[in-house]
């Protein structure tokens, strides 16, 4: 048994929302198609306040937002306008150019509320990096779940554990939410080449070794491993097939060819970009952001 690689996240702030970001890191640039992993920490917003991530661009990736509590309104330059509730999947494929807005719905601003969730980015395969944009919303009830002997597995995206999500992923993907009751265990198989575990709450062990909370644990390729819950445990498992070549990430842009990023930066700075209907505020291009 090889020792897993443990990645401790860095703390960031995105337009007032505190997050932990273990991916990308100098130790690991991607896990399967996943190139970005943001844990939106549980935050209580008072009445009249909320998350408000203004209009911003993307290329070459898909964003997936999954909430444990709270609501987000997603609006994009395709004309999508969707309230995303806890347990839903909000899936947006950027293609060659898309812009979107993420904020607390106005109806939710009337009272105090909590927000907690994850947003990940999945790099598009090279042949689809410059394809058309797409948005789809998948209600919680549409996601397959397996409950057995104190272990619950919900397939957020992709496939695994004999479950397959309806989310239209672009490459072999594993993204599962795990809930384990105290003293239960789960064998994590090798059906995906690259895999990583992130424990959100509870005490757990991997093959007898304690798992540090809020760290991304990269599992050794080709080896089965056992997750054991010392207390009620909440975690997610991500992975999939390796990327079809390295990716460059610059601000909100992901691409295999640096020229695509240079062109996207130029276009956003010049205002030559699809706009979100009804939105005028936007996040300006940070100078020299890498």
Foldseek 3Di string as FASTA:
>chain_A
DDAWDWFAFDWDAQQNFIWTWRFPDPVHQAFAQWRTKIWRAKDKDFQQDKHKAAKDKEFQKKKKKAWQQAWKWKFKLVGDTDIAGHQKIKIKHAALMMIMIIMHDPVVNRGITITTTMMTIGGAAQVRRNPDMDIDMGHNVQWDWDDDDQKIKTFRAADDPNGHHPPDDRAHKGKIKIKGAAFDKDKDAQPAFWKWKAWADAWKDKQNHTDDHGIIITDHGPDIIMIHGNHTTIMMMIHHYHHPADWDDFPNYIHRDVVSVVVVLVCQQVVNGRDGPPHDDHDHDDPPGD
